Amino acid sequence: MTTEETAPGAPSAPGAGQAGPLPFGTGKAHQARIYDYALGGRDNYAADRAAAEAIKRAMAR
């Protein structure tokens, strides 16, 4: 391995692997995350949970 190559799984840039802003918006509900919430999943955000609860209330009528 040369000095320009990196080992598999090694960070390629300074700060790699650190938390930063998400590459997508979490303030707007998305149907896949609403579905995830409905199934008891963990990959959803407040907007998704609120939308799922609104759907539940509308369906209960």
Protein backbone atom coordinates (compact mmCIF):
# COMPACT_ATOMS: atom_id res chain seq x y z
CA MET A 1 0.00 0.00 0.00
CA THR A 2 1.40 3.38 -0.94
CA THR A 3 1.09 6.52 1.17
CA GLU A 4 -1.69 7.76 -1.14
CA GLU A 5 -3.84 4.68 -0.51
CA THR A 6 -5.94 4.24 2.59
CA ALA A 7 -6.93 1.07 4.35
CA PRO A 8 -10.51 -0.11 3.79
CA GLY A 9 -12.85 1.58 6.24
CA ALA A 10 -10.35 4.29 7.17
CA PRO A 11 -11.59 7.89 7.17
CA SER A 12 -10.64 9.52 3.90
CA ALA A 13 -10.86 13.16 4.98
CA PRO A 14 -10.33 15.13 8.15
CA GLY A 15 -13.53 15.05 10.16
CA ALA A 16 -14.87 12.00 8.32
CA GLY A 17 -17.25 9.99 10.44
CA GLN A 18 -18.32 12.97 12.53
CA ALA A 19 -21.95 13.97 12.82
CA GLY A 20 -23.02 16.88 10.68
CA PRO A 21 -26.14 18.15 8.99
CA LEU A 22 -28.25 15.45 7.42
CA PRO A 23 -28.24 15.32 3.61
CA PHE A 24 -32.07 15.45 3.57
CA GLY A 25 -34.79 17.50 5.22
CA THR A 26 -36.41 16.18 8.38
CA GLY A 27 -38.97 18.97 8.77
CA LYS A 28 -41.25 17.56 6.06
CA ALA A 29 -42.88 14.16 6.44
CA HIS A 30 -41.97 11.42 3.99
CA GLN A 31 -44.18 8.44 3.25
CA ALA A 32 -41.46 5.85 3.84
CA ARG A 33 -40.64 7.26 7.29
CA ILE A 34 -44.36 7.53 8.15
CA TYR A 35 -44.67 3.85 7.25
CA ASP A 36 -41.59 3.09 9.33
CA TYR A 37 -43.18 4.82 12.34
CA ALA A 38 -46.48 2.96 11.80
CA LEU A 39 -44.60 -0.34 11.90
CA GLY A 40 -42.77 0.62 15.11
CA GLY A 41 -39.46 1.42 13.43
CA ARG A 42 -36.82 3.83 14.62
CA ASP A 43 -35.91 5.69 11.42
CA ASN A 44 -38.42 8.54 11.58
CA TYR A 45 -38.56 12.15 12.73
CA ALA A 46 -41.06 14.43 14.49
CA ALA A 47 -42.74 15.50 11.22
CA ASP A 48 -43.22 11.85 10.26
CA ARG A 49 -44.69 10.96 13.65
CA ALA A 50 -47.06 13.94 13.55
CA ALA A 51 -48.25 13.01 10.06
CA ALA A 52 -48.78 9.39 11.10
CA GLU A 53 -50.84 10.48 14.11
CA ALA A 54 -52.91 12.82 11.91
CA ILE A 55 -53.59 9.94 9.51
CA LYS A 56 -54.62 7.73 12.45
CA ARG A 57 -57.06 10.41 13.70
CA ALA A 58 -58.53 10.87 10.21
CA MET A 59 -58.98 7.12 9.73
CA ALA A 60 -60.72 6.75 13.11
CA ARG A 61 -63.64 8.95 12.02
